[in-house]
Amino acid sequence: MTASPITTAYLDLSPDIRARAEEIAGDNRPVTWPEVLLLVGTAVAGERELASEAARFWAREAATLAAKLKEREAME
């Protein structure tokens, strides 16, 4: 079977992202179905990346604040 580049890109997404994309997109097909699934799947993947970046940022901030507190307590 020959798949279009859009279908191939969609199938390259992880299975859990594809499942979420199908859940969000529903059964409405205003454009080709693989285009809708790729669009939604890409959005889900992007949101996960943003969440991961935010978690890493706040983990670094928490570690920095904990180190500063430890320094302050040691000086007292």
N, C-alpha and C. Protein backbone atom coordinates (compact mmCIF):
# COMPACT_ATOMS: atom_id res chain seq x y z
N MET A 1 0.84 -1.17 0.00
CA MET A 1 0.00 0.00 0.00
C MET A 1 0.89 1.25 0.00
N THR A 2 0.56 2.21 -0.82
CA THR A 2 1.29 3.46 -0.88
C THR A 2 0.55 4.50 -0.07
N ALA A 3 1.26 5.12 0.86
CA ALA A 3 0.64 6.14 1.71
C ALA A 3 1.13 7.51 1.30
N SER A 4 0.26 8.50 1.42
CA SER A 4 0.65 9.88 1.12
C SER A 4 1.60 10.37 2.21
N PRO A 5 2.34 11.45 1.95
CA PRO A 5 3.21 12.01 2.98
C PRO A 5 2.45 12.41 4.24
N ILE A 6 1.23 12.86 4.08
CA ILE A 6 0.42 13.24 5.25
C ILE A 6 0.08 12.00 6.07
N THR A 7 -0.33 10.94 5.40
CA THR A 7 -0.65 9.70 6.12
C THR A 7 0.59 9.16 6.82
N THR A 8 1.72 9.18 6.14
CA THR A 8 2.97 8.69 6.73
C THR A 8 3.34 9.52 7.96
N ALA A 9 3.22 10.85 7.85
CA ALA A 9 3.54 11.72 8.99
C ALA A 9 2.60 11.43 10.16
N TYR A 10 1.33 11.21 9.88
CA TYR A 10 0.37 10.90 10.94
C TYR A 10 0.72 9.57 11.60
N LEU A 11 1.03 8.57 10.79
CA LEU A 11 1.35 7.26 11.33
C LEU A 11 2.66 7.26 12.12
N ASP A 12 3.52 8.25 11.87
CA ASP A 12 4.76 8.38 12.62
C ASP A 12 4.55 8.93 14.02
N LEU A 13 3.39 9.54 14.28
CA LEU A 13 3.07 10.00 15.64
C LEU A 13 2.89 8.79 16.53
N SER A 14 3.12 8.97 17.82
CA SER A 14 2.96 7.84 18.75
C SER A 14 1.50 7.41 18.79
N PRO A 15 1.25 6.12 19.07
CA PRO A 15 -0.12 5.61 19.09
C PRO A 15 -1.06 6.36 20.03
N ASP A 16 -0.53 6.79 21.20
CA ASP A 16 -1.41 7.51 22.13
C ASP A 16 -1.79 8.88 21.59
N ILE A 17 -0.88 9.53 20.87
CA ILE A 17 -1.21 10.83 20.26
C ILE A 17 -2.20 10.62 19.11
N ARG A 18 -2.01 9.56 18.32
CA ARG A 18 -2.97 9.29 17.24
C ARG A 18 -4.36 9.01 17.81
N ALA A 19 -4.43 8.26 18.90
CA ALA A 19 -5.73 7.96 19.51
C ALA A 19 -6.40 9.23 20.01
N ARG A 20 -5.61 10.11 20.63
CA ARG A 20 -6.17 11.37 21.13
C ARG A 20 -6.62 12.25 19.97
N ALA A 21 -5.84 12.26 18.88
CA ALA A 21 -6.21 13.05 17.70
C ALA A 21 -7.54 12.55 17.13
N GLU A 22 -7.71 11.25 17.05
CA GLU A 22 -8.96 10.69 16.53
C GLU A 22 -10.13 11.03 17.44
N GLU A 23 -9.88 11.02 18.75
CA GLU A 23 -10.93 11.37 19.71
C GLU A 23 -11.35 12.83 19.55
N ILE A 24 -10.38 13.72 19.42
CA ILE A 24 -10.67 15.15 19.29
C ILE A 24 -11.30 15.47 17.94
N ALA A 25 -10.77 14.89 16.87
CA ALA A 25 -11.23 15.22 15.52
C ALA A 25 -12.63 14.70 15.24
N GLY A 26 -13.04 13.65 15.92
CA GLY A 26 -14.36 13.09 15.68
C GLY A 26 -14.49 12.52 14.28
N ASP A 27 -15.67 12.52 13.75
CA ASP A 27 -15.91 11.91 12.44
C ASP A 27 -16.22 12.96 11.38
N ASN A 28 -15.91 14.22 11.65
CA ASN A 28 -16.14 15.29 10.69
C ASN A 28 -14.97 15.33 9.70
N ARG A 29 -15.25 15.33 8.41
CA ARG A 29 -14.19 15.29 7.42
C ARG A 29 -14.29 16.46 6.43
N PRO A 30 -14.03 17.70 6.91
CA PRO A 30 -14.10 18.85 6.00
C PRO A 30 -12.96 18.85 4.99
N VAL A 31 -11.83 18.24 5.35
CA VAL A 31 -10.71 18.03 4.44
C VAL A 31 -10.40 16.54 4.52
N THR A 32 -9.30 16.12 3.92
CA THR A 32 -9.04 14.68 3.98
C THR A 32 -8.83 14.26 5.43
N TRP A 33 -9.28 13.08 5.73
CA TRP A 33 -9.20 12.57 7.10
C TRP A 33 -7.76 12.56 7.62
N PRO A 34 -6.77 12.10 6.86
CA PRO A 34 -5.41 12.14 7.38
C PRO A 34 -4.94 13.57 7.69
N GLU A 35 -5.39 14.55 6.92
CA GLU A 35 -5.01 15.94 7.21
C GLU A 35 -5.55 16.39 8.56
N VAL A 36 -6.79 16.05 8.85
CA VAL A 36 -7.39 16.41 10.13
C VAL A 36 -6.65 15.71 11.27
N LEU A 37 -6.39 14.42 11.09
CA LEU A 37 -5.71 13.67 12.15
C LEU A 37 -4.29 14.19 12.37
N LEU A 38 -3.58 14.51 11.30
CA LEU A 38 -2.23 15.04 11.44
C LEU A 38 -2.26 16.39 12.14
N LEU A 39 -3.19 17.23 11.78
CA LEU A 39 -3.31 18.55 12.41
C LEU A 39 -3.54 18.41 13.91
N VAL A 40 -4.51 17.60 14.28
CA VAL A 40 -4.84 17.44 15.70
C VAL A 40 -3.70 16.74 16.43
N GLY A 41 -3.14 15.71 15.82
CA GLY A 41 -2.03 14.98 16.45
C GLY A 41 -0.82 15.87 16.66
N THR A 42 -0.53 16.72 15.70
CA THR A 42 0.59 17.65 15.83
C THR A 42 0.32 18.64 16.96
N ALA A 43 -0.91 19.09 17.08
CA ALA A 43 -1.26 20.01 18.17
C ALA A 43 -1.10 19.32 19.53
N VAL A 44 -1.55 18.08 19.64
CA VAL A 44 -1.41 17.34 20.90
C VAL A 44 0.07 17.17 21.25
N ALA A 45 0.87 16.80 20.25
CA ALA A 45 2.30 16.63 20.49
C ALA A 45 2.94 17.94 20.93
N GLY A 46 2.54 19.05 20.30
CA GLY A 46 3.07 20.36 20.68
C GLY A 46 2.71 20.74 22.10
N GLU A 47 1.48 20.45 22.51
CA GLU A 47 1.06 20.75 23.87
C GLU A 47 1.86 19.94 24.87
N ARG A 48 2.12 18.67 24.54
CA ARG A 48 2.92 17.85 25.45
C ARG A 48 4.33 18.41 25.58
N GLU A 49 4.90 18.87 24.48
CA GLU A 49 6.26 19.43 24.53
C GLU A 49 6.27 20.69 25.39
N LEU A 50 5.27 21.54 25.23
CA LEU A 50 5.19 22.76 26.06
C LEU A 50 5.07 22.40 27.53
N ALA A 51 4.26 21.41 27.84
CA ALA A 51 4.10 20.99 29.23
C ALA A 51 5.41 20.44 29.79
N SER A 52 6.13 19.69 28.98
CA SER A 52 7.43 19.15 29.42
C SER A 52 8.43 20.27 29.68
N GLU A 53 8.45 21.25 28.79
CA GLU A 53 9.35 22.39 28.98
C GLU A 53 9.01 23.15 30.25
N ALA A 54 7.73 23.35 30.49
CA ALA A 54 7.30 24.06 31.70
C ALA A 54 7.69 23.27 32.95
N ALA A 55 7.52 21.96 32.92
CA ALA A 55 7.88 21.13 34.07
C ALA A 55 9.39 21.20 34.33
N ARG A 56 10.19 21.16 33.26
CA ARG A 56 11.65 21.26 33.45
C ARG A 56 12.02 22.63 34.02
N PHE A 57 11.38 23.69 33.52
CA PHE A 57 11.66 25.03 34.02
C PHE A 57 11.35 25.12 35.51
N TRP A 58 10.17 24.68 35.92
CA TRP A 58 9.78 24.81 37.32
C TRP A 58 10.59 23.89 38.22
N ALA A 59 11.04 22.77 37.70
CA ALA A 59 11.92 21.90 38.49
C ALA A 59 13.25 22.60 38.76
N ARG A 60 13.80 23.28 37.73
CA ARG A 60 15.04 24.03 37.93
C ARG A 60 14.83 25.17 38.93
N GLU A 61 13.71 25.87 38.79
CA GLU A 61 13.42 26.98 39.71
C GLU A 61 13.30 26.47 41.14
N ALA A 62 12.63 25.35 41.33
CA ALA A 62 12.47 24.79 42.67
C ALA A 62 13.82 24.40 43.26
N ALA A 63 14.68 23.81 42.44
CA ALA A 63 16.02 23.42 42.91
C ALA A 63 16.83 24.66 43.29
N THR A 64 16.74 25.70 42.48
CA THR A 64 17.46 26.95 42.77
C THR A 64 16.98 27.56 44.08
N LEU A 65 15.67 27.61 44.25
CA LEU A 65 15.11 28.18 45.48
C LEU A 65 15.48 27.35 46.70
N ALA A 66 15.47 26.03 46.55
CA ALA A 66 15.83 25.15 47.66
C ALA A 66 17.29 25.36 48.05
N ALA A 67 18.17 25.52 47.06
CA ALA A 67 19.59 25.76 47.34
C ALA A 67 19.78 27.09 48.05
N LYS A 68 19.07 28.13 47.61
CA LYS A 68 19.17 29.43 48.26
C LYS A 68 18.67 29.37 49.70
N LEU A 69 17.59 28.66 49.93
CA LEU A 69 17.06 28.51 51.28
C LEU A 69 18.05 27.78 52.17
N LYS A 70 18.67 26.75 51.63
CA LYS A 70 19.65 25.98 52.38
C LYS A 70 20.85 26.86 52.75
N GLU A 71 21.31 27.69 51.81
CA GLU A 71 22.41 28.64 52.08
C GLU A 71 22.03 29.62 53.18
N ARG A 72 20.81 30.14 53.08
CA ARG A 72 20.34 31.13 54.07
C ARG A 72 20.26 30.49 55.45
N GLU A 73 19.76 29.23 55.51
CA GLU A 73 19.64 28.54 56.80
C GLU A 73 21.03 28.26 57.37
N ALA A 74 22.01 27.96 56.49
CA ALA A 74 23.36 27.68 56.97
C ALA A 74 24.02 28.92 57.55
N MET A 75 23.65 30.09 57.04
CA MET A 75 24.23 31.34 57.54
C MET A 75 23.63 31.76 58.87
N GLU A 76 22.48 31.23 59.22
CA GLU A 76 21.80 31.64 60.47
C GLU A 76 22.36 30.92 61.67
